[in-house]
């Protein structure tokens, strides 16, 4: 990056620049780079701040001359995410980016990439458990990589799931139906998405069907589980975005490993699937599971593209040199 203009991008700026395809392209690119050993990343650190925690995660991409970190305070009544983007060839700070919307789209895009490389090609029906703001981009991303014709959604509050179904039907041009249980959301689906903040599992072994691909995208805490151990055991392949971070944040896999039902050595990094170094499924009956934790190099890749686009379009406020 030869242009060293330093920018501040607000949530409004990001919202105007970012769409799902940009995020999918950025992540596909960075996962391939990681498979080549070009990416260095540090798992999320959490430091206590009283009622919540200060979260910090960082990554570098030396070949592209990029480095960056995302930081935020969580648990204190509202979260403000910021990414600091740096050029490593003498430019220094390139951008400060408000990253709430970015994180929402990036999290969806990670599940989209997993679905692209792990789900059956002929997947048509999506089940989604959870109807919060993260659920929207999860469904959008899956629809961007597969020819989805129908989706079912369940969440605990009837009003919320019905509102989600109506809103996403209009937005995506597919039939989205609100259903009355987790089991109904999962039944007969090709792709099942869990995007909740639940402490107790919302996906059980009985809900996992042959050929299903599951994106577990809601939790990143050892104290919470979206899948029970029986569901984990049914997976023929378990992939993640980063193994070290998954070992410290993925409650369902930690529990399964502790009880001898899962081996960390069996886990596959998603970048190996993206690069074609490993086959995701050997049969249409295989069950695949993606455990999304949200890692720093994903943020770095998307924010680098946002910065480049902002320069091209004259978006953002210039920071003092």
C-alpha atoms as a PDB file:
ATOM      1  CA  UNK A   1       0.000   0.000   0.000  1.00  0.00           C
ATOM      2  CA  UNK A   2       1.765   3.114  -1.238  1.00  0.00           C
ATOM      3  CA  UNK A   3      -0.913   5.559  -0.113  1.00  0.00           C
ATOM      4  CA  UNK A   4      -0.370   6.288   3.564  1.00  0.00           C
ATOM      5  CA  UNK A   5      -3.402   8.484   4.141  1.00  0.00           C
ATOM      6  CA  UNK A   6      -4.666   7.684   7.639  1.00  0.00           C
ATOM      7  CA  UNK A   7      -8.411   7.241   7.935  1.00  0.00           C
ATOM      8  CA  UNK A   8     -11.050   6.984  10.621  1.00  0.00           C
ATOM      9  CA  UNK A   9     -14.019   4.921   9.420  1.00  0.00           C
ATOM     10  CA  UNK A  10     -17.259   5.119  11.383  1.00  0.00           C
ATOM     11  CA  UNK A  11     -19.912   2.427  11.525  1.00  0.00           C
ATOM     12  CA  UNK A  12     -21.827   4.435   8.935  1.00  0.00           C
ATOM     13  CA  UNK A  13     -18.782   4.538   6.646  1.00  0.00           C
ATOM     14  CA  UNK A  14     -18.291   0.791   6.996  1.00  0.00           C
ATOM     15  CA  UNK A  15     -21.952   0.084   6.343  1.00  0.00           C
ATOM     16  CA  UNK A  16     -21.745   2.009   3.090  1.00  0.00           C
ATOM     17  CA  UNK A  17     -18.637   0.166   1.902  1.00  0.00           C
ATOM     18  CA  UNK A  18     -19.155  -3.392   3.103  1.00  0.00           C
ATOM     19  CA  UNK A  19     -21.268  -6.107   1.566  1.00  0.00           C
ATOM     20  CA  UNK A  20     -21.275  -9.872   1.972  1.00  0.00           C
ATOM     21  CA  UNK A  21     -19.444 -10.595  -1.275  1.00  0.00           C
ATOM     22  CA  UNK A  22     -16.547  -8.321  -0.277  1.00  0.00           C
ATOM     23  CA  UNK A  23     -16.245 -10.201   3.018  1.00  0.00           C
ATOM     24  CA  UNK A  24     -16.472 -13.630   1.361  1.00  0.00           C
ATOM     25  CA  UNK A  25     -13.788 -12.699  -1.166  1.00  0.00           C
ATOM     26  CA  UNK A  26     -11.519 -11.287   1.544  1.00  0.00           C
ATOM     27  CA  UNK A  27     -11.838 -14.398   3.693  1.00  0.00           C
ATOM     28  CA  UNK A  28     -11.324 -16.808   0.811  1.00  0.00           C
ATOM     29  CA  UNK A  29      -8.137 -14.911   0.012  1.00  0.00           C
ATOM     30  CA  UNK A  30      -6.823 -14.852   3.584  1.00  0.00           C
ATOM     31  CA  UNK A  31      -7.600 -18.528   4.234  1.00  0.00           C
ATOM     32  CA  UNK A  32      -5.602 -19.455   1.137  1.00  0.00           C
ATOM     33  CA  UNK A  33      -2.762 -17.238   2.324  1.00  0.00           C
ATOM     34  CA  UNK A  34      -2.845 -18.923   5.704  1.00  0.00           C
ATOM     35  CA  UNK A  35      -2.580 -22.355   4.115  1.00  0.00           C
ATOM     36  CA  UNK A  36       0.679 -21.110   2.550  1.00  0.00           C
ATOM     37  CA  UNK A  37       2.052 -20.042   5.951  1.00  0.00           C
ATOM     38  CA  UNK A  38       1.683 -16.321   5.200  1.00  0.00           C
ATOM     39  CA  UNK A  39      -0.531 -15.444   8.192  1.00  0.00           C
ATOM     40  CA  UNK A  40       0.409 -15.060  11.845  1.00  0.00           C
ATOM     41  CA  UNK A  41      -2.354 -14.759  14.415  1.00  0.00           C
ATOM     42  CA  UNK A  42      -2.800 -14.549  18.161  1.00  0.00           C
ATOM     43  CA  UNK A  43      -5.908 -15.938  19.870  1.00  0.00           C
ATOM     44  CA  UNK A  44      -8.206 -13.594  21.754  1.00  0.00           C
ATOM     45  CA  UNK A  45      -6.940 -12.391  25.131  1.00  0.00           C
ATOM     46  CA  UNK A  46      -9.445 -11.524  27.827  1.00  0.00           C
ATOM     47  CA  UNK A  47      -8.422  -9.321  30.740  1.00  0.00           C
ATOM     48  CA  UNK A  48     -10.793  -8.585  33.643  1.00  0.00           C
ATOM     49  CA  UNK A  49     -12.261  -5.095  33.945  1.00  0.00           C
ATOM     50  CA  UNK A  50     -14.740  -5.543  36.776  1.00  0.00           C
ATOM     51  CA  UNK A  51     -18.095  -6.659  35.385  1.00  0.00           C
ATOM     52  CA  UNK A  52     -16.724  -7.697  32.013  1.00  0.00           C
ATOM     53  CA  UNK A  53     -13.498  -8.194  30.105  1.00  0.00           C
ATOM     54  CA  UNK A  54     -11.171  -6.311  27.803  1.00  0.00           C
ATOM     55  CA  UNK A  55     -10.717  -8.378  24.643  1.00  0.00           C
ATOM     56  CA  UNK A  56      -7.725  -8.118  22.338  1.00  0.00           C
ATOM     57  CA  UNK A  57      -6.812 -10.134  19.208  1.00  0.00           C
ATOM     58  CA  UNK A  58      -4.098  -9.502  16.615  1.00  0.00           C
ATOM     59  CA  UNK A  59      -2.734 -10.769  13.308  1.00  0.00           C
ATOM     60  CA  UNK A  60      -0.070  -9.980  10.724  1.00  0.00           C
ATOM     61  CA  UNK A  61       0.193 -10.624   6.992  1.00  0.00           C
ATOM     62  CA  UNK A  62       3.838  -9.832   6.159  1.00  0.00           C
ATOM     63  CA  UNK A  63       3.553 -10.628   2.460  1.00  0.00           C
ATOM     64  CA  UNK A  64       0.889  -7.933   2.126  1.00  0.00           C
ATOM     65  CA  UNK A  65       2.626  -5.562   4.535  1.00  0.00           C
ATOM     66  CA  UNK A  66      -0.319  -5.598   6.940  1.00  0.00           C
ATOM     67  CA  UNK A  67      -0.808  -5.879  10.675  1.00  0.00           C
ATOM     68  CA  UNK A  68      -3.731  -5.136  12.912  1.00  0.00           C
ATOM     69  CA  UNK A  69      -5.667  -5.777  16.057  1.00  0.00           C
ATOM     70  CA  UNK A  70      -9.238  -5.599  17.247  1.00  0.00           C
ATOM     71  CA  UNK A  71     -10.072  -4.633  20.804  1.00  0.00           C
ATOM     72  CA  UNK A  72     -13.259  -4.113  22.786  1.00  0.00           C
ATOM     73  CA  UNK A  73     -14.720  -4.203  26.281  1.00  0.00           C
ATOM     74  CA  UNK A  74     -17.525  -6.723  26.714  1.00  0.00           C
ATOM     75  CA  UNK A  75     -19.962  -7.339  29.536  1.00  0.00           C
ATOM     76  CA  UNK A  76     -20.293  -3.790  30.791  1.00  0.00           C
ATOM     77  CA  UNK A  77     -23.554  -2.862  29.085  1.00  0.00           C
ATOM     78  CA  UNK A  78     -22.757  -2.364  25.409  1.00  0.00           C
ATOM     79  CA  UNK A  79     -19.761  -3.205  23.223  1.00  0.00           C
ATOM     80  CA  UNK A  80     -17.704  -0.880  21.035  1.00  0.00           C
ATOM     81  CA  UNK A  81     -15.420  -2.708  18.602  1.00  0.00           C
ATOM     82  CA  UNK A  82     -12.422  -1.039  16.991  1.00  0.00           C
ATOM     83  CA  UNK A  83      -9.784  -2.302  14.576  1.00  0.00           C
ATOM     84  CA  UNK A  84      -6.396  -0.634  14.270  1.00  0.00           C
ATOM     85  CA  UNK A  85      -4.901  -1.321  10.831  1.00  0.00           C
ATOM     86  CA  UNK A  86      -1.173  -0.822  10.208  1.00  0.00           C
ATOM     87  CA  UNK A  87       1.139  -0.899   7.237  1.00  0.00           C
ATOM     88  CA  UNK A  88       4.370  -2.728   8.060  1.00  0.00           C
ATOM     89  CA  UNK A  89       6.574  -1.252   5.338  1.00  0.00           C
ATOM     90  CA  UNK A  90       7.107   2.054   7.094  1.00  0.00           C
ATOM     91  CA  UNK A  91       3.588   3.467   6.788  1.00  0.00           C
ATOM     92  CA  UNK A  92       2.565   2.927  10.404  1.00  0.00           C
ATOM     93  CA  UNK A  93      -1.078   3.443  11.290  1.00  0.00           C
ATOM     94  CA  UNK A  94      -3.380   3.288   8.254  1.00  0.00           C
ATOM     95  CA  UNK A  95      -6.830   3.292   9.779  1.00  0.00           C
ATOM     96  CA  UNK A  96      -8.960   3.215  12.887  1.00  0.00           C
ATOM     97  CA  UNK A  97     -12.166   1.402  12.035  1.00  0.00           C
ATOM     98  CA  UNK A  98     -15.347   1.085  14.060  1.00  0.00           C
ATOM     99  CA  UNK A  99     -15.962  -2.628  13.727  1.00  0.00           C
ATOM    100  CA  UNK A 100     -19.384  -3.663  14.982  1.00  0.00           C
ATOM    101  CA  UNK A 101     -20.966  -4.036  11.549  1.00  0.00           C
ATOM    102  CA  UNK A 102     -17.717  -5.385  10.134  1.00  0.00           C
ATOM    103  CA  UNK A 103     -17.692  -8.142  12.754  1.00  0.00           C
ATOM    104  CA  UNK A 104     -21.300  -9.050  12.055  1.00  0.00           C
ATOM    105  CA  UNK A 105     -20.678  -9.455   8.330  1.00  0.00           C
ATOM    106  CA  UNK A 106     -17.296 -11.134   8.809  1.00  0.00           C
ATOM    107  CA  UNK A 107     -18.767 -13.710  11.205  1.00  0.00           C
ATOM    108  CA  UNK A 108     -21.446 -14.529   8.671  1.00  0.00           C
ATOM    109  CA  UNK A 109     -18.865 -14.727   5.903  1.00  0.00           C
ATOM    110  CA  UNK A 110     -16.742 -17.225   7.851  1.00  0.00           C
ATOM    111  CA  UNK A 111     -19.744 -19.553   7.999  1.00  0.00           C
ATOM    112  CA  UNK A 112     -20.312 -18.860   4.323  1.00  0.00           C
ATOM    113  CA  UNK A 113     -16.775 -19.956   3.474  1.00  0.00           C
ATOM    114  CA  UNK A 114     -17.208 -23.083   5.604  1.00  0.00           C
ATOM    115  CA  UNK A 115     -20.492 -23.867   3.863  1.00  0.00           C
ATOM    116  CA  UNK A 116     -18.899 -23.322   0.444  1.00  0.00           C
ATOM    117  CA  UNK A 117     -16.185 -25.899   1.102  1.00  0.00           C
ATOM    118  CA  UNK A 118     -17.974 -28.311   3.471  1.00  0.00           C
ATOM    119  CA  UNK A 119     -21.692 -28.507   2.626  1.00  0.00           C
ATOM    120  CA  UNK A 120     -23.191 -30.645  -0.127  1.00  0.00           C
ATOM    121  CA  UNK A 121     -23.266 -28.874  -3.500  1.00  0.00           C
ATOM    122  CA  UNK A 122     -27.018 -29.453  -3.865  1.00  0.00           C
ATOM    123  CA  UNK A 123     -27.943 -27.972  -0.481  1.00  0.00           C
ATOM    124  CA  UNK A 124     -31.338 -26.249  -0.659  1.00  0.00           C
ATOM    125  CA  UNK A 125     -32.784 -26.053   2.863  1.00  0.00           C
ATOM    126  CA  UNK A 126     -31.271 -24.135   5.792  1.00  0.00           C
ATOM    127  CA  UNK A 127     -32.260 -24.380   9.430  1.00  0.00           C
ATOM    128  CA  UNK A 128     -31.197 -21.595  11.764  1.00  0.00           C
ATOM    129  CA  UNK A 129     -31.424 -21.550  15.541  1.00  0.00           C
ATOM    130  CA  UNK A 130     -31.241 -17.987  16.818  1.00  0.00           C
ATOM    131  CA  UNK A 131     -32.703 -14.802  15.354  1.00  0.00           C
ATOM    132  CA  UNK A 132     -30.436 -12.059  16.697  1.00  0.00           C
ATOM    133  CA  UNK A 133     -28.388  -9.614  14.653  1.00  0.00           C
ATOM    134  CA  UNK A 134     -25.705 -12.235  13.919  1.00  0.00           C
ATOM    135  CA  UNK A 135     -28.320 -14.629  12.508  1.00  0.00           C
ATOM    136  CA  UNK A 136     -29.082 -12.298   9.591  1.00  0.00           C
ATOM    137  CA  UNK A 137     -25.588 -12.400   8.120  1.00  0.00           C
ATOM    138  CA  UNK A 138     -25.278 -16.140   8.793  1.00  0.00           C
ATOM    139  CA  UNK A 139     -28.263 -16.836   6.561  1.00  0.00           C
ATOM    140  CA  UNK A 140     -27.195 -14.241   4.004  1.00  0.00           C
ATOM    141  CA  UNK A 141     -23.751 -15.837   3.687  1.00  0.00           C
ATOM    142  CA  UNK A 142     -25.064 -19.385   3.286  1.00  0.00           C
ATOM    143  CA  UNK A 143     -27.442 -18.170   0.576  1.00  0.00           C
ATOM    144  CA  UNK A 144     -24.518 -16.456  -1.178  1.00  0.00           C
ATOM    145  CA  UNK A 145     -22.584 -19.716  -1.608  1.00  0.00           C
ATOM    146  CA  UNK A 146     -25.389 -22.237  -2.190  1.00  0.00           C
ATOM    147  CA  UNK A 147     -28.600 -22.123  -4.214  1.00  0.00           C
ATOM    148  CA  UNK A 148     -30.842 -22.031  -1.140  1.00  0.00           C
ATOM    149  CA  UNK A 149     -34.578 -22.018  -1.750  1.00  0.00           C
ATOM    150  CA  UNK A 150     -35.967 -22.270   1.768  1.00  0.00           C
ATOM    151  CA  UNK A 151     -35.023 -21.636   5.400  1.00  0.00           C
ATOM    152  CA  UNK A 152     -36.570 -22.317   8.803  1.00  0.00           C
ATOM    153  CA  UNK A 153     -35.828 -20.333  11.949  1.00  0.00           C
ATOM    154  CA  UNK A 154     -36.396 -20.939  15.630  1.00  0.00           C
ATOM    155  CA  UNK A 155     -35.606 -18.705  18.585  1.00  0.00           C
ATOM    156  CA  UNK A 156     -37.121 -18.555  22.052  1.00  0.00           C
ATOM    157  CA  UNK A 157     -39.282 -15.486  21.447  1.00  0.00           C
ATOM    158  CA  UNK A 158     -42.047 -16.017  18.904  1.00  0.00           C
ATOM    159  CA  UNK A 159     -42.183 -12.348  17.919  1.00  0.00           C
ATOM    160  CA  UNK A 160     -38.467 -12.277  17.197  1.00  0.00           C
ATOM    161  CA  UNK A 161     -38.421 -15.390  15.023  1.00  0.00           C
ATOM    162  CA  UNK A 162     -41.500 -14.306  13.070  1.00  0.00           C
ATOM    163  CA  UNK A 163     -40.002 -10.863  12.490  1.00  0.00           C
ATOM    164  CA  UNK A 164     -36.739 -12.466  11.346  1.00  0.00           C
ATOM    165  CA  UNK A 165     -38.587 -14.755   8.927  1.00  0.00           C
ATOM    166  CA  UNK A 166     -40.507 -11.891   7.347  1.00  0.00           C
ATOM    167  CA  UNK A 167     -37.488  -9.608   7.111  1.00  0.00           C
ATOM    168  CA  UNK A 168     -35.138 -12.203   5.635  1.00  0.00           C
ATOM    169  CA  UNK A 169     -37.730 -13.541   3.190  1.00  0.00           C
ATOM    170  CA  UNK A 170     -37.969 -10.049   1.736  1.00  0.00           C
ATOM    171  CA  UNK A 171     -34.237  -9.439   1.774  1.00  0.00           C
ATOM    172  CA  UNK A 172     -33.086 -12.743   0.287  1.00  0.00           C
ATOM    173  CA  UNK A 173     -36.041 -13.605  -1.924  1.00  0.00           C
ATOM    174  CA  UNK A 174     -36.499 -17.070  -0.450  1.00  0.00           C
ATOM    175  CA  UNK A 175     -39.122 -18.642   1.791  1.00  0.00           C
ATOM    176  CA  UNK A 176     -38.128 -18.210   5.444  1.00  0.00           C
ATOM    177  CA  UNK A 177     -40.528 -19.780   7.936  1.00  0.00           C
ATOM    178  CA  UNK A 178     -40.653 -19.421  11.716  1.00  0.00           C
ATOM    179  CA  UNK A 179     -41.018 -22.792  13.484  1.00  0.00           C
ATOM    180  CA  UNK A 180     -41.794 -23.755  17.075  1.00  0.00           C
ATOM    181  CA  UNK A 181     -38.735 -25.743  18.196  1.00  0.00           C
ATOM    182  CA  UNK A 182     -35.035 -26.405  17.675  1.00  0.00           C
ATOM    183  CA  UNK A 183     -35.940 -29.839  16.374  1.00  0.00           C
ATOM    184  CA  UNK A 184     -38.315 -28.407  13.749  1.00  0.00           C
ATOM    185  CA  UNK A 185     -35.631 -25.987  12.584  1.00  0.00           C
ATOM    186  CA  UNK A 186     -33.166 -28.848  12.098  1.00  0.00           C
ATOM    187  CA  UNK A 187     -35.432 -31.474  10.572  1.00  0.00           C
ATOM    188  CA  UNK A 188     -34.599 -32.266   6.962  1.00  0.00           C
ATOM    189  CA  UNK A 189     -32.126 -29.424   6.551  1.00  0.00           C
ATOM    190  CA  UNK A 190     -28.965 -29.532   4.467  1.00  0.00           C
ATOM    191  CA  UNK A 191     -27.263 -26.740   6.427  1.00  0.00           C
ATOM    192  CA  UNK A 192     -27.961 -26.114  10.110  1.00  0.00           C
ATOM    193  CA  UNK A 193     -26.767 -22.897  11.750  1.00  0.00           C
ATOM    194  CA  UNK A 194     -26.596 -22.393  15.510  1.00  0.00           C
ATOM    195  CA  UNK A 195     -26.053 -18.740  16.372  1.00  0.00           C
ATOM    196  CA  UNK A 196     -27.153 -18.305  19.969  1.00  0.00           C
ATOM    197  CA  UNK A 197     -25.747 -17.218  23.300  1.00  0.00           C
ATOM    198  CA  UNK A 198     -27.115 -20.317  24.996  1.00  0.00           C
ATOM    199  CA  UNK A 199     -25.353 -21.915  27.954  1.00  0.00           C
ATOM    200  CA  UNK A 200     -27.063 -25.259  27.310  1.00  0.00           C
ATOM    201  CA  UNK A 201     -26.918 -27.060  23.938  1.00  0.00           C
ATOM    202  CA  UNK A 202     -29.483 -26.127  21.299  1.00  0.00           C
ATOM    203  CA  UNK A 203     -28.358 -28.878  18.899  1.00  0.00           C
ATOM    204  CA  UNK A 204     -28.515 -32.453  20.166  1.00  0.00           C
ATOM    205  CA  UNK A 205     -27.270 -35.655  18.622  1.00  0.00           C
ATOM    206  CA  UNK A 206     -30.827 -36.687  17.786  1.00  0.00           C
ATOM    207  CA  UNK A 207     -31.172 -33.605  15.569  1.00  0.00           C
ATOM    208  CA  UNK A 208     -28.118 -34.390  13.419  1.00  0.00           C
ATOM    209  CA  UNK A 209     -29.037 -36.091  10.144  1.00  0.00           C
ATOM    210  CA  UNK A 210     -26.892 -37.810   7.520  1.00  0.00           C
ATOM    211  CA  UNK A 211     -25.323 -35.368   5.074  1.00  0.00           C
ATOM    212  CA  UNK A 212     -25.925 -32.305   7.218  1.00  0.00           C
ATOM    213  CA  UNK A 213     -23.430 -29.454   7.480  1.00  0.00           C
ATOM    214  CA  UNK A 214     -23.505 -27.534  10.764  1.00  0.00           C
ATOM    215  CA  UNK A 215     -22.164 -24.043  11.436  1.00  0.00           C
ATOM    216  CA  UNK A 216     -21.773 -23.399  15.167  1.00  0.00           C
ATOM    217  CA  UNK A 217     -21.254 -19.656  15.248  1.00  0.00           C
ATOM    218  CA  UNK A 218     -22.782 -18.228  18.405  1.00  0.00           C
ATOM    219  CA  UNK A 219     -20.577 -18.991  21.381  1.00  0.00           C
ATOM    220  CA  UNK A 220     -16.912 -18.384  22.131  1.00  0.00           C
ATOM    221  CA  UNK A 221     -16.871 -19.262  25.810  1.00  0.00           C
ATOM    222  CA  UNK A 222     -15.759 -22.414  27.606  1.00  0.00           C
ATOM    223  CA  UNK A 223     -18.809 -22.017  29.854  1.00  0.00           C
ATOM    224  CA  UNK A 224     -21.334 -22.359  27.008  1.00  0.00           C
ATOM    225  CA  UNK A 225     -22.275 -25.072  24.521  1.00  0.00           C
ATOM    226  CA  UNK A 226     -24.418 -24.900  21.383  1.00  0.00           C
ATOM    227  CA  UNK A 227     -23.983 -28.611  20.594  1.00  0.00           C
ATOM    228  CA  UNK A 228     -24.130 -31.510  22.989  1.00  0.00           C
ATOM    229  CA  UNK A 229     -21.416 -34.163  22.916  1.00  0.00           C
ATOM    230  CA  UNK A 230     -23.611 -36.614  21.006  1.00  0.00           C
ATOM    231  CA  UNK A 231     -23.905 -34.065  18.177  1.00  0.00           C
ATOM    232  CA  UNK A 232     -20.136 -33.540  18.101  1.00  0.00           C
ATOM    233  CA  UNK A 233     -19.572 -37.303  17.939  1.00  0.00           C
ATOM    234  CA  UNK A 234     -21.819 -37.563  14.863  1.00  0.00           C
ATOM    235  CA  UNK A 235     -19.565 -35.240  12.857  1.00  0.00           C
ATOM    236  CA  UNK A 236     -17.283 -37.015  10.391  1.00  0.00           C
ATOM    237  CA  UNK A 237     -15.210 -33.846  10.060  1.00  0.00           C
ATOM    238  CA  UNK A 238     -14.791 -30.954  12.497  1.00  0.00           C
ATOM    239  CA  UNK A 239     -13.158 -27.786  11.185  1.00  0.00           C
ATOM    240  CA  UNK A 240     -12.335 -24.458  12.821  1.00  0.00           C
ATOM    241  CA  UNK A 241     -10.786 -21.135  11.898  1.00  0.00           C
ATOM    242  CA  UNK A 242      -7.953 -21.466  14.453  1.00  0.00           C
ATOM    243  CA  UNK A 243      -7.092 -24.509  16.567  1.00  0.00           C
ATOM    244  CA  UNK A 244      -5.392 -22.687  19.460  1.00  0.00           C
ATOM    245  CA  UNK A 245      -8.299 -20.283  19.907  1.00  0.00           C
ATOM    246  CA  UNK A 246     -10.819 -23.116  19.617  1.00  0.00           C
ATOM    247  CA  UNK A 247      -9.049 -25.041  22.375  1.00  0.00           C
ATOM    248  CA  UNK A 248      -9.623 -22.155  24.782  1.00  0.00           C
ATOM    249  CA  UNK A 249     -13.035 -20.884  23.651  1.00  0.00           C
ATOM    250  CA  UNK A 250     -15.147 -23.703  22.211  1.00  0.00           C
ATOM    251  CA  UNK A 251     -17.183 -25.082  25.101  1.00  0.00           C
ATOM    252  CA  UNK A 252     -18.729 -28.026  23.281  1.00  0.00           C
ATOM    253  CA  UNK A 253     -15.427 -29.339  21.932  1.00  0.00           C
ATOM    254  CA  UNK A 254     -13.663 -28.760  25.249  1.00  0.00           C
ATOM    255  CA  UNK A 255     -16.352 -30.792  27.016  1.00  0.00           C
ATOM    256  CA  UNK A 256     -16.246 -33.548  24.391  1.00  0.00           C
ATOM    257  CA  UNK A 257     -12.444 -33.723  24.598  1.00  0.00           C
ATOM    258  CA  UNK A 258     -12.475 -33.835  28.404  1.00  0.00           C
ATOM    259  CA  UNK A 259     -14.851 -36.816  28.354  1.00  0.00           C
ATOM    260  CA  UNK A 260     -12.838 -38.695  25.729  1.00  0.00           C
ATOM    261  CA  UNK A 261     -15.373 -38.269  22.916  1.00  0.00           C
ATOM    262  CA  UNK A 262     -13.290 -35.928  20.767  1.00  0.00           C
ATOM    263  CA  UNK A 263      -9.606 -35.638  19.937  1.00  0.00           C
ATOM    264  CA  UNK A 264      -8.049 -32.272  19.148  1.00  0.00           C
ATOM    265  CA  UNK A 265      -5.714 -34.077  16.734  1.00  0.00           C
ATOM    266  CA  UNK A 266      -8.730 -34.849  14.537  1.00  0.00           C
ATOM    267  CA  UNK A 267      -9.595 -31.174  14.050  1.00  0.00           C
ATOM    268  CA  UNK A 268      -8.910 -29.580  10.677  1.00  0.00           C
ATOM    269  CA  UNK A 269      -8.226 -25.906  10.025  1.00  0.00           C
ATOM    270  CA  UNK A 270     -10.642 -24.421   7.524  1.00  0.00           C
ATOM    271  CA  UNK A 271      -7.807 -22.970   5.465  1.00  0.00           C
ATOM    272  CA  UNK A 272      -6.700 -26.496   4.520  1.00  0.00           C
ATOM    273  CA  UNK A 273     -10.141 -27.173   3.045  1.00  0.00           C
ATOM    274  CA  UNK A 274     -10.195 -23.844   1.209  1.00  0.00           C
ATOM    275  CA  UNK A 275      -6.788 -24.571  -0.324  1.00  0.00           C
ATOM    276  CA  UNK A 276      -7.784 -28.090  -1.350  1.00  0.00           C
ATOM    277  CA  UNK A 277      -5.206 -29.708   0.921  1.00  0.00           C
ATOM    278  CA  UNK A 278      -7.895 -31.773   2.633  1.00  0.00           C
ATOM    279  CA  UNK A 279     -11.225 -33.173   1.442  1.00  0.00           C
ATOM    280  CA  UNK A 280     -14.212 -32.073   3.487  1.00  0.00           C
ATOM    281  CA  UNK A 281     -16.531 -34.956   2.676  1.00  0.00           C
ATOM    282  CA  UNK A 282     -16.070 -38.350   1.077  1.00  0.00           C
ATOM    283  CA  UNK A 283     -19.782 -39.065   0.862  1.00  0.00           C
ATOM    284  CA  UNK A 284     -23.046 -37.150   0.646  1.00  0.00           C
ATOM    285  CA  UNK A 285     -23.938 -38.858   3.932  1.00  0.00           C
ATOM    286  CA  UNK A 286     -20.973 -37.367   5.807  1.00  0.00           C
ATOM    287  CA  UNK A 287     -21.766 -34.907   8.587  1.00  0.00           C
ATOM    288  CA  UNK A 288     -19.523 -31.836   8.712  1.00  0.00           C
ATOM    289  CA  UNK A 289     -19.180 -29.293  11.507  1.00  0.00           C
ATOM    290  CA  UNK A 290     -17.591 -25.845  11.457  1.00  0.00           C
ATOM    291  CA  UNK A 291     -16.769 -24.300  14.814  1.00  0.00           C
ATOM    292  CA  UNK A 292     -16.472 -20.553  14.287  1.00  0.00           C
ATOM    293  CA  UNK A 293     -14.649 -18.600  16.972  1.00  0.00           C
ATOM    294  CA  UNK A 294     -13.912 -15.410  15.042  1.00  0.00           C
ATOM    295  CA  UNK A 295     -10.192 -14.773  14.667  1.00  0.00           C
ATOM    296  CA  UNK A 296      -8.025 -11.745  14.094  1.00  0.00           C
ATOM    297  CA  UNK A 297      -6.741 -12.535  10.620  1.00  0.00           C
ATOM    298  CA  UNK A 298     -10.341 -12.543   9.363  1.00  0.00           C
ATOM    299  CA  UNK A 299     -10.805  -9.021  10.714  1.00  0.00           C
ATOM    300  CA  UNK A 300      -7.472  -7.975   9.223  1.00  0.00           C
ATOM    301  CA  UNK A 301      -8.417  -9.204   5.751  1.00  0.00           C
ATOM    302  CA  UNK A 302     -11.818  -7.520   5.667  1.00  0.00           C
ATOM    303  CA  UNK A 303     -10.557  -4.246   7.148  1.00  0.00           C
ATOM    304  CA  UNK A 304      -7.690  -4.066   4.657  1.00  0.00           C
ATOM    305  CA  UNK A 305     -10.237  -4.205   1.835  1.00  0.00           C
ATOM    306  CA  UNK A 306     -12.399  -1.594   3.538  1.00  0.00           C
ATOM    307  CA  UNK A 307      -9.417   0.725   3.808  1.00  0.00           C
ATOM    308  CA  UNK A 308      -8.539   0.300   0.129  1.00  0.00           C
ATOM    309  CA  UNK A 309     -12.152   0.903  -0.886  1.00  0.00           C
ATOM    310  CA  UNK A 310     -12.403   3.961   1.350  1.00  0.00           C
ATOM    311  CA  UNK A 311      -9.339   5.461  -0.317  1.00  0.00           C
ATOM    312  CA  UNK A 312     -10.797   4.802  -3.773  1.00  0.00           C
ATOM    313  CA  UNK A 313     -14.175   6.325  -2.911  1.00  0.00           C
ATOM    314  CA  UNK A 314     -13.014   9.176  -0.696  1.00  0.00           C
ATOM    315  CA  UNK A 315     -14.847   7.814   2.343  1.00  0.00           C
ATOM    316  CA  UNK A 316     -13.848   8.440   5.961  1.00  0.00           C
ATOM    317  CA  UNK A 317     -12.210  11.217   7.955  1.00  0.00           C
ATOM    318  CA  UNK A 318      -8.488  11.781   7.620  1.00  0.00           C
ATOM    319  CA  UNK A 319      -6.492  11.340  10.804  1.00  0.00           C
ATOM    320  CA  UNK A 320      -3.547  13.609  11.586  1.00  0.00           C
ATOM    321  CA  UNK A 321      -0.193  12.275  10.432  1.00  0.00           C
END
